N, C-alpha and C. Protein backbone atom coordinates (compact mmCIF):
# COMPACT_ATOMS: atom_id res chain seq x y z
N UNK A 1 109.26 211.93 173.11
CA UNK A 1 108.73 211.96 171.75
C UNK A 1 109.87 211.99 170.73
N UNK A 2 110.88 212.81 170.99
CA UNK A 2 112.00 212.93 170.04
C UNK A 2 112.79 211.62 169.90
N UNK A 3 113.08 210.90 171.01
CA UNK A 3 113.81 209.64 170.83
C UNK A 3 113.02 208.62 169.99
N UNK A 4 111.71 208.64 170.11
CA UNK A 4 110.89 207.71 169.32
C UNK A 4 110.98 208.04 167.83
N UNK A 5 110.98 209.33 167.51
CA UNK A 5 111.10 209.74 166.10
C UNK A 5 112.47 209.36 165.55
N UNK A 6 113.51 209.51 166.36
CA UNK A 6 114.86 209.14 165.92
C UNK A 6 114.95 207.63 165.72
N UNK A 7 114.33 206.87 166.61
CA UNK A 7 114.32 205.42 166.47
C UNK A 7 113.61 205.00 165.20
N UNK A 8 112.46 205.60 164.94
CA UNK A 8 111.72 205.28 163.72
C UNK A 8 112.52 205.66 162.48
N UNK A 9 113.14 206.82 162.48
CA UNK A 9 113.95 207.25 161.35
C UNK A 9 115.12 206.30 161.12
N UNK A 10 115.79 205.90 162.19
CA UNK A 10 116.92 204.97 162.08
C UNK A 10 116.46 203.63 161.51
N UNK A 11 115.33 203.12 161.98
CA UNK A 11 114.81 201.85 161.49
C UNK A 11 114.44 201.94 160.01
N UNK A 12 113.79 203.02 159.62
CA UNK A 12 113.39 203.20 158.22
C UNK A 12 114.62 203.32 157.32
N UNK A 13 115.61 204.09 157.76
CA UNK A 13 116.82 204.24 156.95
C UNK A 13 117.58 202.93 156.81
N UNK A 14 117.61 202.13 157.87
CA UNK A 14 118.28 200.84 157.81
C UNK A 14 117.58 199.91 156.83
N UNK A 15 116.26 199.87 156.89
CA UNK A 15 115.50 199.02 155.98
C UNK A 15 115.68 199.49 154.54
N UNK A 16 115.67 200.80 154.32
CA UNK A 16 115.87 201.32 152.96
C UNK A 16 117.26 200.98 152.43
N UNK A 17 118.28 201.07 153.28
CA UNK A 17 119.64 200.73 152.87
C UNK A 17 119.74 199.27 152.47
N UNK A 18 119.15 198.39 153.25
CA UNK A 18 119.19 196.97 152.94
C UNK A 18 118.39 196.68 151.67
N UNK A 19 117.23 197.31 151.52
CA UNK A 19 116.41 197.08 150.33
C UNK A 19 117.11 197.59 149.07
N UNK A 20 117.73 198.77 149.13
CA UNK A 20 118.43 199.29 147.96
C UNK A 20 119.64 198.43 147.62
N UNK A 21 120.29 197.91 148.63
CA UNK A 21 121.42 197.02 148.39
C UNK A 21 120.96 195.74 147.70
N UNK A 22 119.81 195.21 148.13
CA UNK A 22 119.28 193.99 147.52
C UNK A 22 118.85 194.24 146.08
N UNK A 23 118.25 195.39 145.81
CA UNK A 23 117.81 195.70 144.45
C UNK A 23 119.01 195.86 143.53
N UNK A 24 120.02 196.60 143.96
CA UNK A 24 121.19 196.79 143.12
C UNK A 24 121.93 195.47 142.92
N UNK A 25 121.89 194.61 143.91
CA UNK A 25 122.53 193.29 143.80
C UNK A 25 121.78 192.42 142.80
N UNK A 26 120.45 192.52 142.77
CA UNK A 26 119.65 191.69 141.88
C UNK A 26 119.81 192.10 140.42
N UNK A 27 120.06 193.37 140.15
CA UNK A 27 120.16 193.84 138.78
C UNK A 27 121.58 193.77 138.24
N UNK A 28 122.54 193.47 139.08
CA UNK A 28 123.93 193.43 138.63
C UNK A 28 124.17 192.17 137.80
N UNK A 29 125.05 192.26 136.82
CA UNK A 29 125.37 191.07 136.03
C UNK A 29 126.14 190.05 136.87
N UNK A 30 126.17 188.84 136.39
CA UNK A 30 126.87 187.78 137.11
C UNK A 30 128.36 188.09 137.18
N UNK A 31 128.97 187.88 138.33
CA UNK A 31 130.40 188.17 138.45
C UNK A 31 131.25 187.16 137.69
N UNK A 32 132.44 187.57 137.35
CA UNK A 32 133.37 186.67 136.66
C UNK A 32 133.82 185.58 137.62
N UNK A 33 134.21 184.44 137.09
CA UNK A 33 134.66 183.35 137.98
C UNK A 33 135.89 183.73 138.82
N UNK A 34 136.65 184.70 138.38
CA UNK A 34 137.84 185.10 139.14
C UNK A 34 137.53 186.19 140.15
N UNK A 35 136.26 186.57 140.30
CA UNK A 35 135.88 187.63 141.23
C UNK A 35 136.11 187.19 142.67
N UNK A 36 136.47 188.16 143.53
CA UNK A 36 136.67 187.84 144.94
C UNK A 36 135.40 188.07 145.76
N UNK A 37 134.31 188.45 145.12
CA UNK A 37 132.97 188.55 145.72
C UNK A 37 132.91 189.58 146.85
N UNK A 38 133.67 190.66 146.78
CA UNK A 38 133.57 191.69 147.82
C UNK A 38 132.27 192.47 147.71
N UNK A 39 131.61 192.40 146.56
CA UNK A 39 130.35 193.13 146.40
C UNK A 39 129.25 192.53 147.27
N UNK A 40 129.43 191.31 147.74
CA UNK A 40 128.45 190.69 148.63
C UNK A 40 128.81 190.95 150.08
N UNK A 41 130.10 190.91 150.41
CA UNK A 41 130.52 191.01 151.80
C UNK A 41 130.39 192.42 152.37
N UNK A 42 130.60 193.45 151.57
CA UNK A 42 130.56 194.82 152.08
C UNK A 42 129.15 195.21 152.53
N UNK A 43 128.09 195.04 151.70
CA UNK A 43 126.75 195.38 152.21
C UNK A 43 126.32 194.51 153.40
N UNK A 44 126.76 193.26 153.41
CA UNK A 44 126.44 192.38 154.53
C UNK A 44 127.10 192.88 155.80
N UNK A 45 128.34 193.30 155.69
CA UNK A 45 129.06 193.83 156.85
C UNK A 45 128.40 195.11 157.36
N UNK A 46 128.00 195.98 156.45
CA UNK A 46 127.35 197.24 156.85
C UNK A 46 126.01 196.96 157.54
N UNK A 47 125.24 196.05 156.99
CA UNK A 47 123.94 195.71 157.61
C UNK A 47 124.15 195.08 158.98
N UNK A 48 125.16 194.23 159.12
CA UNK A 48 125.45 193.61 160.41
C UNK A 48 125.91 194.66 161.43
N UNK A 49 126.71 195.60 160.97
CA UNK A 49 127.17 196.66 161.86
C UNK A 49 126.00 197.52 162.36
N UNK A 50 125.09 197.87 161.45
CA UNK A 50 123.90 198.62 161.86
C UNK A 50 123.05 197.82 162.85
N UNK A 51 122.93 196.52 162.63
CA UNK A 51 122.15 195.68 163.55
C UNK A 51 122.78 195.65 164.93
N UNK A 52 124.10 195.53 164.99
CA UNK A 52 124.78 195.53 166.30
C UNK A 52 124.64 196.88 167.00
N UNK A 53 124.82 197.95 166.29
CA UNK A 53 124.66 199.28 166.89
C UNK A 53 123.25 199.47 167.40
N UNK A 54 122.27 199.05 166.60
CA UNK A 54 120.88 199.18 167.01
C UNK A 54 120.62 198.36 168.27
N UNK A 55 121.18 197.15 168.33
CA UNK A 55 120.97 196.28 169.50
C UNK A 55 121.60 196.88 170.76
N UNK A 56 122.79 197.47 170.62
CA UNK A 56 123.44 198.07 171.78
C UNK A 56 122.74 199.33 172.26
N UNK A 57 122.20 200.13 171.33
CA UNK A 57 121.55 201.37 171.72
C UNK A 57 120.17 201.17 172.28
N UNK A 58 119.44 200.19 171.74
CA UNK A 58 118.05 200.02 172.18
C UNK A 58 117.86 198.64 172.69
């Protein structure tokens, strides 16, 4: 029972993290042409890392 609750909590937290990242990304102003666009790569990297960890664990 406990592992199922942890799995559900992990899945919910991952979805919330991705959703909050998408919302904050949508409300942000357009970047300057000289921007290196790290604001897009960091949340993508974190989401990918969580997906890989989730795949290896379950």
